[in-house]
PDB file of N, CA and C in Angstrom:
ATOM      1  N   UNK A   1    -136.099-136.802  61.641  1.00  0.00           N
ATOM      2  CA  UNK A   1    -135.890-136.180  60.352  1.00  0.00           C
ATOM      3  C   UNK A   1    -136.214-134.685  60.402  1.00  0.00           C
ATOM      4  N   UNK A   2    -137.316-134.326  61.071  1.00  0.00           N
ATOM      5  CA  UNK A   2    -137.734-132.930  61.165  1.00  0.00           C
ATOM      6  C   UNK A   2    -136.707-132.110  61.939  1.00  0.00           C
ATOM      7  N   UNK A   3    -136.116-132.682  62.998  1.00  0.00           N
ATOM      8  CA  UNK A   3    -135.103-131.975  63.777  1.00  0.00           C
ATOM      9  C   UNK A   3    -133.871-131.691  62.931  1.00  0.00           C
ATOM     10  N   UNK A   4    -133.500-132.624  62.085  1.00  0.00           N
ATOM     11  CA  UNK A   4    -132.337-132.439  61.214  1.00  0.00           C
ATOM     12  C   UNK A   4    -132.608-131.316  60.212  1.00  0.00           C
ATOM     13  N   UNK A   5    -133.811-131.298  59.653  1.00  0.00           N
ATOM     14  CA  UNK A   5    -134.194-130.267  58.695  1.00  0.00           C
ATOM     15  C   UNK A   5    -134.198-128.884  59.355  1.00  0.00           C
ATOM     16  N   UNK A   6    -134.769-128.791  60.530  1.00  0.00           N
ATOM     17  CA  UNK A   6    -134.805-127.520  61.262  1.00  0.00           C
ATOM     18  C   UNK A   6    -133.388-127.068  61.603  1.00  0.00           C
ATOM     19  N   UNK A   7    -132.558-127.997  62.028  1.00  0.00           N
ATOM     20  CA  UNK A   7    -131.163-127.673  62.341  1.00  0.00           C
ATOM     21  C   UNK A   7    -130.410-127.186  61.114  1.00  0.00           C
ATOM     22  N   UNK A   8    -130.647-127.831  59.978  1.00  0.00           N
ATOM     23  CA  UNK A   8    -129.973-127.424  58.734  1.00  0.00           C
ATOM     24  C   UNK A   8    -130.421-126.036  58.302  1.00  0.00           C
ATOM     25  N   UNK A   9    -131.712-125.759  58.405  1.00  0.00           N
ATOM     26  CA  UNK A   9    -132.230-124.432  58.043  1.00  0.00           C
ATOM     27  C   UNK A   9    -131.656-123.373  58.980  1.00  0.00           C
ATOM     28  N   UNK A  10    -131.572-123.669  60.256  1.00  0.00           N
ATOM     29  CA  UNK A  10    -131.008-122.726  61.222  1.00  0.00           C
ATOM     30  C   UNK A  10    -129.534-122.454  60.921  1.00  0.00           C
ATOM     31  N   UNK A  11    -128.779-123.501  60.607  1.00  0.00           N
ATOM     32  CA  UNK A  11    -127.354-123.346  60.305  1.00  0.00           C
ATOM     33  C   UNK A  11    -127.142-122.509  59.045  1.00  0.00           C
ATOM     34  N   UNK A  12    -127.923-122.768  58.015  1.00  0.00           N
ATOM     35  CA  UNK A  12    -127.825-121.989  56.773  1.00  0.00           C
ATOM     36  C   UNK A  12    -128.205-120.534  57.034  1.00  0.00           C
ATOM     37  N   UNK A  13    -129.238-120.304  57.826  1.00  0.00           N
ATOM     38  CA  UNK A  13    -129.666-118.940  58.143  1.00  0.00           C
ATOM     39  C   UNK A  13    -128.591-118.175  58.894  1.00  0.00           C
ATOM     40  N   UNK A  14    -127.998-118.801  59.871  1.00  0.00           N
ATOM     41  CA  UNK A  14    -126.931-118.157  60.650  1.00  0.00           C
ATOM     42  C   UNK A  14    -125.747-117.832  59.746  1.00  0.00           C
ATOM     43  N   UNK A  15    -125.393-118.743  58.880  1.00  0.00           N
ATOM     44  CA  UNK A  15    -124.274-118.518  57.966  1.00  0.00           C
ATOM     45  C   UNK A  15    -124.564-117.374  57.007  1.00  0.00           C
ATOM     46  N   UNK A  16    -125.789-117.330  56.489  1.00  0.00           N
ATOM     47  CA  UNK A  16    -126.152-116.280  55.538  1.00  0.00           C
ATOM     48  C   UNK A  16    -126.167-114.910  56.190  1.00  0.00           C
ATOM     49  N   UNK A  17    -126.614-114.825  57.428  1.00  0.00           N
ATOM     50  CA  UNK A  17    -126.737-113.534  58.077  1.00  0.00           C
ATOM     51  C   UNK A  17    -125.497-113.111  58.850  1.00  0.00           C
ATOM     52  N   UNK A  18    -124.501-113.980  58.977  1.00  0.00           N
ATOM     53  CA  UNK A  18    -123.273-113.565  59.643  1.00  0.00           C
ATOM     54  C   UNK A  18    -122.498-112.687  58.679  1.00  0.00           C
ATOM     55  N   UNK A  19    -121.985-111.588  59.190  1.00  0.00           N
ATOM     56  CA  UNK A  19    -121.271-110.656  58.345  1.00  0.00           C
ATOM     57  C   UNK A  19    -122.217-109.799  57.523  1.00  0.00           C
ATOM     58  N   UNK A  20    -123.319-109.326  58.134  1.00  0.00           N
ATOM     59  CA  UNK A  20    -124.317-108.548  57.391  1.00  0.00           C
ATOM     60  C   UNK A  20    -123.710-107.336  56.695  1.00  0.00           C
ATOM     61  N   UNK A  21    -122.928-106.543  57.395  1.00  0.00           N
ATOM     62  CA  UNK A  21    -122.305-105.375  56.767  1.00  0.00           C
ATOM     63  C   UNK A  21    -121.357-105.827  55.669  1.00  0.00           C
ATOM     64  N   UNK A  22    -120.704-106.956  55.855  1.00  0.00           N
ATOM     65  CA  UNK A  22    -119.796-107.476  54.833  1.00  0.00           C
ATOM     66  C   UNK A  22    -120.544-107.914  53.589  1.00  0.00           C
ATOM     67  N   UNK A  23    -121.773-108.373  53.753  1.00  0.00           N
ATOM     68  CA  UNK A  23    -122.579-108.813  52.625  1.00  0.00           C
ATOM     69  C   UNK A  23    -123.236-107.614  51.943  1.00  0.00           C
ATOM     70  N   UNK A  24    -123.775-106.684  52.719  1.00  0.00           N
ATOM     71  CA  UNK A  24    -124.546-105.565  52.189  1.00  0.00           C
ATOM     72  C   UNK A  24    -123.647-104.455  51.641  1.00  0.00           C
ATOM     73  N   UNK A  25    -122.556-104.142  52.321  1.00  0.00           N
ATOM     74  CA  UNK A  25    -121.697-103.025  51.943  1.00  0.00           C
ATOM     75  C   UNK A  25    -120.567-103.456  51.011  1.00  0.00           C
ATOM     76  N   UNK A  26    -120.277-102.613  50.025  1.00  0.00           N
ATOM     77  CA  UNK A  26    -119.111-102.813  49.177  1.00  0.00           C
ATOM     78  C   UNK A  26    -117.872-102.348  49.932  1.00  0.00           C
ATOM     79  N   UNK A  27    -116.706-102.693  49.419  1.00  0.00           N
ATOM     80  CA  UNK A  27    -115.447-102.250  50.042  1.00  0.00           C
ATOM     81  C   UNK A  27    -115.303-100.732  49.938  1.00  0.00           C
ATOM     82  N   UNK A  28    -115.821-100.165  48.862  1.00  0.00           N
ATOM     83  CA  UNK A  28    -115.761 -98.716  48.670  1.00  0.00           C
ATOM     84  C   UNK A  28    -117.164 -98.124  48.756  1.00  0.00           C
ATOM     85  N   UNK A  29    -117.218 -96.858  49.152  1.00  0.00           N
ATOM     86  CA  UNK A  29    -118.485 -96.150  49.298  1.00  0.00           C
ATOM     87  C   UNK A  29    -118.452 -94.897  48.438  1.00  0.00           C
ATOM     88  N   UNK A  30    -119.575 -94.580  47.815  1.00  0.00           N
ATOM     89  CA  UNK A  30    -119.686 -93.354  47.020  1.00  0.00           C
ATOM     90  C   UNK A  30    -119.981 -92.182  47.945  1.00  0.00           C
ATOM     91  N   UNK A  31    -119.218 -91.096  47.780  1.00  0.00           N
ATOM     92  CA  UNK A  31    -119.434 -89.884  48.551  1.00  0.00           C
ATOM     93  C   UNK A  31    -119.584 -88.728  47.555  1.00  0.00           C
ATOM     94  N   UNK A  32    -120.688 -88.013  47.654  1.00  0.00           N
ATOM     95  CA  UNK A  32    -120.951 -86.867  46.798  1.00  0.00           C
ATOM     96  C   UNK A  32    -120.206 -85.651  47.365  1.00  0.00           C
ATOM     97  N   UNK A  33    -119.446 -84.956  46.518  1.00  0.00           N
ATOM     98  CA  UNK A  33    -118.678 -83.784  46.952  1.00  0.00           C
ATOM     99  C   UNK A  33    -119.166 -82.570  46.181  1.00  0.00           C
ATOM    100  N   UNK A  34    -119.518 -81.512  46.902  1.00  0.00           N
ATOM    101  CA  UNK A  34    -119.953 -80.255  46.287  1.00  0.00           C
ATOM    102  C   UNK A  34    -119.293 -79.085  47.003  1.00  0.00           C
ATOM    103  N   UNK A  35    -119.131 -77.982  46.280  1.00  0.00           N
ATOM    104  CA  UNK A  35    -118.623 -76.742  46.868  1.00  0.00           C
ATOM    105  C   UNK A  35    -119.810 -75.924  47.357  1.00  0.00           C
ATOM    106  N   UNK A  36    -119.634 -75.224  48.460  1.00  0.00           N
ATOM    107  CA  UNK A  36    -120.737 -74.448  49.035  1.00  0.00           C
ATOM    108  C   UNK A  36    -121.185 -73.316  48.116  1.00  0.00           C
ATOM    109  N   UNK A  37    -120.291 -72.833  47.244  1.00  0.00           N
ATOM    110  CA  UNK A  37    -120.648 -71.752  46.335  1.00  0.00           C
ATOM    111  C   UNK A  37    -121.058 -72.268  44.949  1.00  0.00           C
ATOM    112  N   UNK A  38    -121.137 -73.582  44.776  1.00  0.00           N
ATOM    113  CA  UNK A  38    -121.565 -74.173  43.516  1.00  0.00           C
ATOM    114  C   UNK A  38    -120.492 -74.259  42.442  1.00  0.00           C
ATOM    115  N   UNK A  39    -119.288 -73.776  42.742  1.00  0.00           N
ATOM    116  CA  UNK A  39    -118.195 -73.811  41.774  1.00  0.00           C
ATOM    117  C   UNK A  39    -117.718 -75.222  41.521  1.00  0.00           C
ATOM    118  N   UNK A  40    -117.077 -75.398  40.373  1.00  0.00           N
ATOM    119  CA  UNK A  40    -116.417 -76.667  40.095  1.00  0.00           C
ATOM    120  C   UNK A  40    -115.051 -76.627  40.766  1.00  0.00           C
ATOM    121  N   UNK A  41    -114.728 -77.669  41.522  1.00  0.00           N
ATOM    122  CA  UNK A  41    -113.424 -77.755  42.184  1.00  0.00           C
ATOM    123  C   UNK A  41    -112.829 -79.137  41.945  1.00  0.00           C
ATOM    124  N   UNK A  42    -111.528 -79.212  42.076  1.00  0.00           N
ATOM    125  CA  UNK A  42    -110.828 -80.491  41.956  1.00  0.00           C
ATOM    126  C   UNK A  42    -110.135 -80.768  43.275  1.00  0.00           C
ATOM    127  N   UNK A  43    -110.037 -82.063  43.604  1.00  0.00           N
ATOM    128  CA  UNK A  43    -109.382 -82.430  44.840  1.00  0.00           C
ATOM    129  C   UNK A  43    -109.156 -83.924  44.913  1.00  0.00           C
ATOM    130  N   UNK A  44    -108.875 -84.398  46.139  1.00  0.00           N
ATOM    131  CA  UNK A  44    -108.677 -85.833  46.330  1.00  0.00           C
ATOM    132  C   UNK A  44    -109.026 -86.244  47.743  1.00  0.00           C
ATOM    133  N   UNK A  45    -109.324 -87.518  47.855  1.00  0.00           N
ATOM    134  CA  UNK A  45    -109.555 -88.162  49.146  1.00  0.00           C
ATOM    135  C   UNK A  45    -108.678 -89.405  49.152  1.00  0.00           C
ATOM    136  N   UNK A  46    -107.695 -89.436  50.025  1.00  0.00           N
ATOM    137  CA  UNK A  46    -106.777 -90.582  50.129  1.00  0.00           C
ATOM    138  C   UNK A  46    -106.176 -90.955  48.773  1.00  0.00           C
ATOM    139  N   UNK A  47    -105.815 -89.945  47.996  1.00  0.00           N
ATOM    140  CA  UNK A  47    -105.180 -90.195  46.707  1.00  0.00           C
ATOM    141  C   UNK A  47    -106.129 -90.422  45.550  1.00  0.00           C
ATOM    142  N   UNK A  48    -107.423 -90.517  45.821  1.00  0.00           N
ATOM    143  CA  UNK A  48    -108.414 -90.692  44.759  1.00  0.00           C
ATOM    144  C   UNK A  48    -108.895 -89.299  44.349  1.00  0.00           C
ATOM    145  N   UNK A  49    -108.651 -88.928  43.090  1.00  0.00           N
ATOM    146  CA  UNK A  49    -109.010 -87.594  42.624  1.00  0.00           C
ATOM    147  C   UNK A  49    -110.477 -87.520  42.225  1.00  0.00           C
ATOM    148  N   UNK A  50    -111.013 -86.299  42.272  1.00  0.00           N
ATOM    149  CA  UNK A  50    -112.400 -86.060  41.886  1.00  0.00           C
ATOM    150  C   UNK A  50    -112.534 -84.653  41.339  1.00  0.00           C
ATOM    151  N   UNK A  51    -113.585 -84.443  40.580  1.00  0.00           N
ATOM    152  CA  UNK A  51    -114.009 -83.117  40.155  1.00  0.00           C
ATOM    153  C   UNK A  51    -115.407 -82.928  40.708  1.00  0.00           C
ATOM    154  N   UNK A  52    -115.603 -81.809  41.373  1.00  0.00           N
ATOM    155  CA  UNK A  52    -116.877 -81.554  42.035  1.00  0.00           C
ATOM    156  C   UNK A  52    -117.634 -80.478  41.261  1.00  0.00           C
ATOM    157  N   UNK A  53    -118.944 -80.486  41.182  1.00  0.00           N
ATOM    158  CA  UNK A  53    -119.779 -81.458  41.869  1.00  0.00           C
ATOM    159  C   UNK A  53    -119.636 -82.836  41.229  1.00  0.00           C
ATOM    160  N   UNK A  54    -119.549 -83.813  42.080  1.00  0.00           N
ATOM    161  CA  UNK A  54    -119.384 -85.174  41.596  1.00  0.00           C
ATOM    162  C   UNK A  54    -119.270 -86.166  42.730  1.00  0.00           C
ATOM    163  N   UNK A  55    -118.961 -87.387  42.356  1.00  0.00           N
ATOM    164  CA  UNK A  55    -118.895 -88.487  43.305  1.00  0.00           C
ATOM    165  C   UNK A  55    -117.481 -89.043  43.322  1.00  0.00           C
ATOM    166  N   UNK A  56    -116.990 -89.349  44.513  1.00  0.00           N
ATOM    167  CA  UNK A  56    -115.685 -89.984  44.674  1.00  0.00           C
ATOM    168  C   UNK A  56    -115.902 -91.308  45.401  1.00  0.00           C
ATOM    169  N   UNK A  57    -115.169 -92.333  44.984  1.00  0.00           N
ATOM    170  CA  UNK A  57    -115.242 -93.646  45.626  1.00  0.00           C
ATOM    171  C   UNK A  57    -114.206 -93.705  46.743  1.00  0.00           C
ATOM    172  N   UNK A  58    -114.662 -93.907  47.962  1.00  0.00           N
ATOM    173  CA  UNK A  58    -113.798 -93.911  49.142  1.00  0.00           C
ATOM    174  C   UNK A  58    -113.781 -95.319  49.732  1.00  0.00           C
ATOM    175  N   UNK A  59    -112.589 -95.877  49.925  1.00  0.00           N
ATOM    176  CA  UNK A  59    -112.485 -97.192  50.565  1.00  0.00           C
ATOM    177  C   UNK A  59    -112.907 -97.092  52.024  1.00  0.00           C
ATOM    178  N   UNK A  60    -113.714 -98.040  52.452  1.00  0.00           N
ATOM    179  CA  UNK A  60    -114.122 -98.094  53.862  1.00  0.00           C
ATOM    180  C   UNK A  60    -112.917 -98.518  54.695  1.00  0.00           C
ATOM    181  N   UNK A  61    -112.717 -97.850  55.812  1.00  0.00           N
ATOM    182  CA  UNK A  61    -111.588 -98.174  56.682  1.00  0.00           C
ATOM    183  C   UNK A  61    -111.853 -97.619  58.073  1.00  0.00           C
ATOM    184  N   UNK A  62    -111.121 -98.128  59.023  1.00  0.00           N
ATOM    185  CA  UNK A  62    -111.234 -97.687  60.409  1.00  0.00           C
ATOM    186  C   UNK A  62    -110.403 -96.420  60.609  1.00  0.00           C
ATOM    187  N   UNK A  63    -110.664 -95.426  59.770  1.00  0.00           N
ATOM    188  CA  UNK A  63    -109.950 -94.158  59.863  1.00  0.00           C
ATOM    189  C   UNK A  63    -110.797 -93.051  59.241  1.00  0.00           C
ATOM    190  N   UNK A  64    -110.670 -91.857  59.796  1.00  0.00           N
ATOM    191  CA  UNK A  64    -111.308 -90.705  59.172  1.00  0.00           C
ATOM    192  C   UNK A  64    -110.515 -90.356  57.922  1.00  0.00           C
ATOM    193  N   UNK A  65    -111.181 -89.767  56.947  1.00  0.00           N
ATOM    194  CA  UNK A  65    -110.537 -89.343  55.700  1.00  0.00           C
ATOM    195  C   UNK A  65    -110.520 -87.820  55.661  1.00  0.00           C
ATOM    196  N   UNK A  66    -109.647 -87.272  54.825  1.00  0.00           N
ATOM    197  CA  UNK A  66    -109.574 -85.839  54.618  1.00  0.00           C
ATOM    198  C   UNK A  66    -109.818 -85.553  53.144  1.00  0.00           C
ATOM    199  N   UNK A  67    -110.773 -84.678  52.873  1.00  0.00           N
ATOM    200  CA  UNK A  67    -111.028 -84.223  51.511  1.00  0.00           C
ATOM    201  C   UNK A  67    -110.182 -82.965  51.320  1.00  0.00           C
ATOM    202  N   UNK A  68    -109.253 -82.996  50.362  1.00  0.00           N
ATOM    203  CA  UNK A  68    -108.410 -81.829  50.094  1.00  0.00           C
ATOM    204  C   UNK A  68    -108.731 -81.284  48.709  1.00  0.00           C
ATOM    205  N   UNK A  69    -108.721 -79.957  48.596  1.00  0.00           N
ATOM    206  CA  UNK A  69    -108.995 -79.301  47.318  1.00  0.00           C
ATOM    207  C   UNK A  69    -107.896 -78.283  47.037  1.00  0.00           C
ATOM    208  N   UNK A  70    -107.752 -77.942  45.748  1.00  0.00           N
ATOM    209  CA  UNK A  70    -106.693 -77.008  45.367  1.00  0.00           C
ATOM    210  C   UNK A  70    -107.220 -75.635  44.956  1.00  0.00           C
ATOM    211  N   UNK A  71    -108.479 -75.367  45.173  1.00  0.00           N
ATOM    212  CA  UNK A  71    -109.070 -74.083  44.837  1.00  0.00           C
ATOM    213  C   UNK A  71    -108.748 -73.075  45.944  1.00  0.00           C
ATOM    214  N   UNK A  72    -108.119 -71.935  45.606  1.00  0.00           N
ATOM    215  CA  UNK A  72    -107.731 -70.960  46.638  1.00  0.00           C
ATOM    216  C   UNK A  72    -108.916 -70.314  47.361  1.00  0.00           C
ATOM    217  N   UNK A  73    -110.112 -70.380  46.771  1.00  0.00           N
ATOM    218  CA  UNK A  73    -111.288 -69.789  47.399  1.00  0.00           C
ATOM    219  C   UNK A  73    -111.976 -70.738  48.377  1.00  0.00           C
ATOM    220  N   UNK A  74    -111.472 -71.963  48.454  1.00  0.00           N
ATOM    221  CA  UNK A  74    -112.127 -72.980  49.289  1.00  0.00           C
ATOM    222  C   UNK A  74    -111.218 -73.429  50.423  1.00  0.00           C
ATOM    223  N   UNK A  75    -111.848 -73.943  51.459  1.00  0.00           N
ATOM    224  CA  UNK A  75    -111.110 -74.528  52.575  1.00  0.00           C
ATOM    225  C   UNK A  75    -110.260 -75.668  52.037  1.00  0.00           C
ATOM    226  N   UNK A  76    -108.981 -75.692  52.382  1.00  0.00           N
ATOM    227  CA  UNK A  76    -108.034 -76.675  51.831  1.00  0.00           C
ATOM    228  C   UNK A  76    -108.369 -78.103  52.208  1.00  0.00           C
ATOM    229  N   UNK A  77    -108.809 -78.317  53.442  1.00  0.00           N
ATOM    230  CA  UNK A  77    -109.113 -79.687  53.871  1.00  0.00           C
ATOM    231  C   UNK A  77    -110.407 -79.712  54.679  1.00  0.00           C
ATOM    232  N   UNK A  78    -111.181 -80.741  54.424  1.00  0.00           N
ATOM    233  CA  UNK A  78    -112.465 -80.932  55.098  1.00  0.00           C
ATOM    234  C   UNK A  78    -112.514 -82.382  55.582  1.00  0.00           C
ATOM    235  N   UNK A  79    -112.800 -82.594  56.872  1.00  0.00           N
ATOM    236  CA  UNK A  79    -112.828 -83.971  57.383  1.00  0.00           C
ATOM    237  C   UNK A  79    -114.027 -84.766  56.874  1.00  0.00           C
ATOM    238  N   UNK A  80    -113.793 -86.039  56.686  1.00  0.00           N
ATOM    239  CA  UNK A  80    -114.833 -87.003  56.340  1.00  0.00           C
ATOM    240  C   UNK A  80    -114.751 -88.076  57.420  1.00  0.00           C
ATOM    241  N   UNK A  81    -115.603 -87.941  58.419  1.00  0.00           N
ATOM    242  CA  UNK A  81    -115.510 -88.798  59.604  1.00  0.00           C
ATOM    243  C   UNK A  81    -116.186 -90.148  59.390  1.00  0.00           C
ATOM    244  N   UNK A  82    -115.540 -91.170  59.944  1.00  0.00           N
ATOM    245  CA  UNK A  82    -116.094 -92.521  59.876  1.00  0.00           C
ATOM    246  C   UNK A  82    -117.127 -92.703  60.978  1.00  0.00           C
ATOM    247  N   UNK A  83    -118.048 -93.632  60.737  1.00  0.00           N
ATOM    248  CA  UNK A  83    -119.004 -94.047  61.762  1.00  0.00           C
ATOM    249  C   UNK A  83    -119.361 -95.497  61.478  1.00  0.00           C
ATOM    250  N   UNK A  84    -119.918 -96.143  62.454  1.00  0.00           N
ATOM    251  CA  UNK A  84    -120.285 -97.553  62.300  1.00  0.00           C
ATOM    252  C   UNK A  84    -121.628 -97.637  61.590  1.00  0.00           C
ATOM    253  N   UNK A  85    -121.684 -98.473  60.557  1.00  0.00           N
ATOM    254  CA  UNK A  85    -122.920 -98.660  59.810  1.00  0.00           C
ATOM    255  C   UNK A  85    -123.958 -99.392  60.671  1.00  0.00           C
ATOM    256  N   UNK A  86    -125.231 -99.040  60.541  1.00  0.00           N
ATOM    257  CA  UNK A  86    -126.270 -99.726  61.314  1.00  0.00           C
ATOM    258  C   UNK A  86    -126.313-101.234  61.071  1.00  0.00           C
ATOM    259  N   UNK A  87    -125.858-101.682  59.888  1.00  0.00           N
ATOM    260  CA  UNK A  87    -125.839-103.121  59.603  1.00  0.00           C
ATOM    261  C   UNK A  87    -124.982-103.873  60.618  1.00  0.00           C
ATOM    262  N   UNK A  88    -123.930-103.246  61.100  1.00  0.00           N
ATOM    263  CA  UNK A  88    -123.049-103.886  62.075  1.00  0.00           C
ATOM    264  C   UNK A  88    -123.813-104.199  63.363  1.00  0.00           C
ATOM    265  N   UNK A  89    -124.607-103.233  63.845  1.00  0.00           N
ATOM    266  CA  UNK A  89    -125.350-103.439  65.092  1.00  0.00           C
ATOM    267  C   UNK A  89    -126.396-104.522  64.928  1.00  0.00           C
ATOM    268  N   UNK A  90    -127.069-104.550  63.790  1.00  0.00           N
ATOM    269  CA  UNK A  90    -128.033-105.613  63.532  1.00  0.00           C
ATOM    270  C   UNK A  90    -127.353-106.964  63.459  1.00  0.00           C
ATOM    271  N   UNK A  91    -126.146-106.962  62.944  1.00  0.00           N
ATOM    272  CA  UNK A  91    -125.407-108.208  62.818  1.00  0.00           C
ATOM    273  C   UNK A  91    -124.993-108.761  64.182  1.00  0.00           C
ATOM    274  N   UNK A  92    -124.686-107.898  65.111  1.00  0.00           N
ATOM    275  CA  UNK A  92    -124.348-108.371  66.463  1.00  0.00           C
ATOM    276  C   UNK A  92    -125.537-109.118  67.058  1.00  0.00           C
ATOM    277  N   UNK A  93    -126.742-108.584  66.817  1.00  0.00           N
ATOM    278  CA  UNK A  93    -127.939-109.240  67.344  1.00  0.00           C
ATOM    279  C   UNK A  93    -128.227-110.553  66.632  1.00  0.00           C
ATOM    280  N   UNK A  94    -128.020-110.588  65.311  1.00  0.00           N
ATOM    281  CA  UNK A  94    -128.367-111.776  64.529  1.00  0.00           C
ATOM    282  C   UNK A  94    -127.204-112.762  64.430  1.00  0.00           C
ATOM    283  N   UNK A  95    -126.028-112.242  64.058  1.00  0.00           N
ATOM    284  CA  UNK A  95    -124.896-113.122  63.773  1.00  0.00           C
ATOM    285  C   UNK A  95    -123.936-113.310  64.924  1.00  0.00           C
ATOM    286  N   UNK A  96    -124.060-112.475  65.932  1.00  0.00           N
ATOM    287  CA  UNK A  96    -123.195-112.609  67.096  1.00  0.00           C
ATOM    288  C   UNK A  96    -121.737-112.307  66.799  1.00  0.00           C
ATOM    289  N   UNK A  97    -120.860-112.988  67.512  1.00  0.00           N
ATOM    290  CA  UNK A  97    -119.427-112.741  67.432  1.00  0.00           C
ATOM    291  C   UNK A  97    -118.874-113.043  66.041  1.00  0.00           C
ATOM    292  N   UNK A  98    -119.316-114.124  65.437  1.00  0.00           N
ATOM    293  CA  UNK A  98    -118.801-114.508  64.120  1.00  0.00           C
ATOM    294  C   UNK A  98    -119.073-113.420  63.083  1.00  0.00           C
ATOM    295  N   UNK A  99    -120.289-112.956  63.010  1.00  0.00           N
ATOM    296  CA  UNK A  99    -120.651-111.936  62.029  1.00  0.00           C
ATOM    297  C   UNK A  99    -119.975-110.616  62.279  1.00  0.00           C
ATOM    298  N   UNK A 100    -119.939-110.178  63.541  1.00  0.00           N
ATOM    299  CA  UNK A 100    -119.318-108.890  63.833  1.00  0.00           C
ATOM    300  C   UNK A 100    -117.806-108.939  63.613  1.00  0.00           C
ATOM    301  N   UNK A 101    -117.196-110.079  63.846  1.00  0.00           N
ATOM    302  CA  UNK A 101    -115.760-110.230  63.586  1.00  0.00           C
ATOM    303  C   UNK A 101    -115.483-110.138  62.095  1.00  0.00           C
ATOM    304  N   UNK A 102    -116.342-110.741  61.291  1.00  0.00           N
ATOM    305  CA  UNK A 102    -116.206-110.660  59.835  1.00  0.00           C
ATOM    306  C   UNK A 102    -116.333-109.214  59.374  1.00  0.00           C
ATOM    307  N   UNK A 103    -117.339-108.498  59.872  1.00  0.00           N
ATOM    308  CA  UNK A 103    -117.531-107.100  59.496  1.00  0.00           C
ATOM    309  C   UNK A 103    -116.321-106.250  59.882  1.00  0.00           C
ATOM    310  N   UNK A 104    -115.780-106.505  61.060  1.00  0.00           N
ATOM    311  CA  UNK A 104    -114.628-105.728  61.532  1.00  0.00           C
ATOM    312  C   UNK A 104    -113.384-106.037  60.707  1.00  0.00           C
ATOM    313  N   UNK A 105    -113.128-107.300  60.425  1.00  0.00           N
ATOM    314  CA  UNK A 105    -111.904-107.675  59.710  1.00  0.00           C
ATOM    315  C   UNK A 105    -111.913-107.209  58.257  1.00  0.00           C
ATOM    316  N   UNK A 106    -113.090-107.093  57.642  1.00  0.00           N
ATOM    317  CA  UNK A 106    -113.175-106.605  56.263  1.00  0.00           C
ATOM    318  C   UNK A 106    -113.266-105.081  56.210  1.00  0.00           C
ATOM    319  N   UNK A 107    -113.428-104.449  57.359  1.00  0.00           N
ATOM    320  CA  UNK A 107    -113.599-103.000  57.515  1.00  0.00           C
ATOM    321  C   UNK A 107    -114.864-102.470  56.835  1.00  0.00           C
ATOM    322  N   UNK A 108    -115.771-103.368  56.496  1.00  0.00           N
ATOM    323  CA  UNK A 108    -117.026-102.949  55.890  1.00  0.00           C
ATOM    324  C   UNK A 108    -118.040-102.470  56.926  1.00  0.00           C
ATOM    325  N   UNK A 109    -117.654-102.502  58.196  1.00  0.00           N
ATOM    326  CA  UNK A 109    -118.537-102.007  59.248  1.00  0.00           C
ATOM    327  C   UNK A 109    -118.524-100.472  59.308  1.00  0.00           C
ATOM    328  N   UNK A 110    -117.606 -99.838  58.562  1.00  0.00           N
ATOM    329  CA  UNK A 110    -117.456 -98.387  58.601  1.00  0.00           C
ATOM    330  C   UNK A 110    -118.162 -97.745  57.420  1.00  0.00           C
ATOM    331  N   UNK A 111    -118.666 -96.542  57.643  1.00  0.00           N
ATOM    332  CA  UNK A 111    -119.252 -95.757  56.565  1.00  0.00           C
ATOM    333  C   UNK A 111    -118.948 -94.282  56.808  1.00  0.00           C
ATOM    334  N   UNK A 112    -119.104 -93.518  55.745  1.00  0.00           N
ATOM    335  CA  UNK A 112    -118.890 -92.072  55.788  1.00  0.00           C
ATOM    336  C   UNK A 112    -120.185 -91.390  55.390  1.00  0.00           C
ATOM    337  N   UNK A 113    -120.280 -90.091  55.627  1.00  0.00           N
ATOM    338  CA  UNK A 113    -121.459 -89.358  55.175  1.00  0.00           C
ATOM    339  C   UNK A 113    -121.592 -89.529  53.673  1.00  0.00           C
ATOM    340  N   UNK A 114    -122.811 -89.561  53.194  1.00  0.00           N
ATOM    341  CA  UNK A 114    -123.055 -89.752  51.758  1.00  0.00           C
ATOM    342  C   UNK A 114    -122.657 -88.537  50.942  1.00  0.00           C
ATOM    343  N   UNK A 115    -122.577 -87.370  51.594  1.00  0.00           N
ATOM    344  CA  UNK A 115    -122.156 -86.160  50.880  1.00  0.00           C
ATOM    345  C   UNK A 115    -121.370 -85.255  51.816  1.00  0.00           C
ATOM    346  N   UNK A 116    -120.507 -84.462  51.197  1.00  0.00           N
ATOM    347  CA  UNK A 116    -119.713 -83.489  51.945  1.00  0.00           C
ATOM    348  C   UNK A 116    -119.728 -82.177  51.165  1.00  0.00           C
ATOM    349  N   UNK A 117    -119.904 -81.078  51.904  1.00  0.00           N
ATOM    350  CA  UNK A 117    -119.913 -79.752  51.305  1.00  0.00           C
ATOM    351  C   UNK A 117    -118.606 -79.068  51.679  1.00  0.00           C
ATOM    352  N   UNK A 118    -117.858 -78.669  50.644  1.00  0.00           N
ATOM    353  CA  UNK A 118    -116.587 -77.983  50.867  1.00  0.00           C
ATOM    354  C   UNK A 118    -116.890 -76.487  51.037  1.00  0.00           C
ATOM    355  N   UNK A 119    -116.527 -75.907  52.187  1.00  0.00           N
ATOM    356  CA  UNK A 119    -116.781 -74.474  52.397  1.00  0.00           C
ATOM    357  C   UNK A 119    -115.920 -73.615  51.459  1.00  0.00           C
ATOM    358  N   UNK A 120    -116.581 -72.737  50.704  1.00  0.00           N
ATOM    359  CA  UNK A 120    -115.895 -71.828  49.771  1.00  0.00           C
ATOM    360  C   UNK A 120    -116.437 -70.413  49.951  1.00  0.00           C
ATOM    361  N   UNK A 121    -115.634 -69.428  49.522  1.00  0.00           N
ATOM    362  CA  UNK A 121    -116.062 -68.009  49.595  1.00  0.00           C
ATOM    363  C   UNK A 121    -117.034 -67.696  48.495  1.00  0.00           C
TER     364      UNK A 121
END
C-alpha cells in the first residue's frame, strides 16, 4: 500500500512540474517601453501599438521582435531579443523531456527584456 501511495505522489509531482515555463509564464509578456529623452512616443511591436512611457504586451515566440516608433527624433527600430527563460532550464532538470517539449511547443520558454529604451535625440 505504501509503495502505491509513494508512486502516486511521484506521478502527480512529475505531472505538476512538467512544463514549468508553460505553467509559470503567460503566452504574452509585459515589456516597458521608454524614450531615452523622456518624451512621449508612439509605436508598435509586431502590430501591437503602444504609447510610451508605457507597457506593451508581447506574445512569446521563438523570434526576436522589433520595436518601431514614428517619432522623427528617435531611432526608427530597436531590437527586442528573445532569450530562454530560466524556468525552462529548471524544467529540464525536474520534468525532463516531457516538460521541456511542452515548454517548447507552447513557446512559453522564450522571454524578452522587461524594458527597452528607445534611443532619441
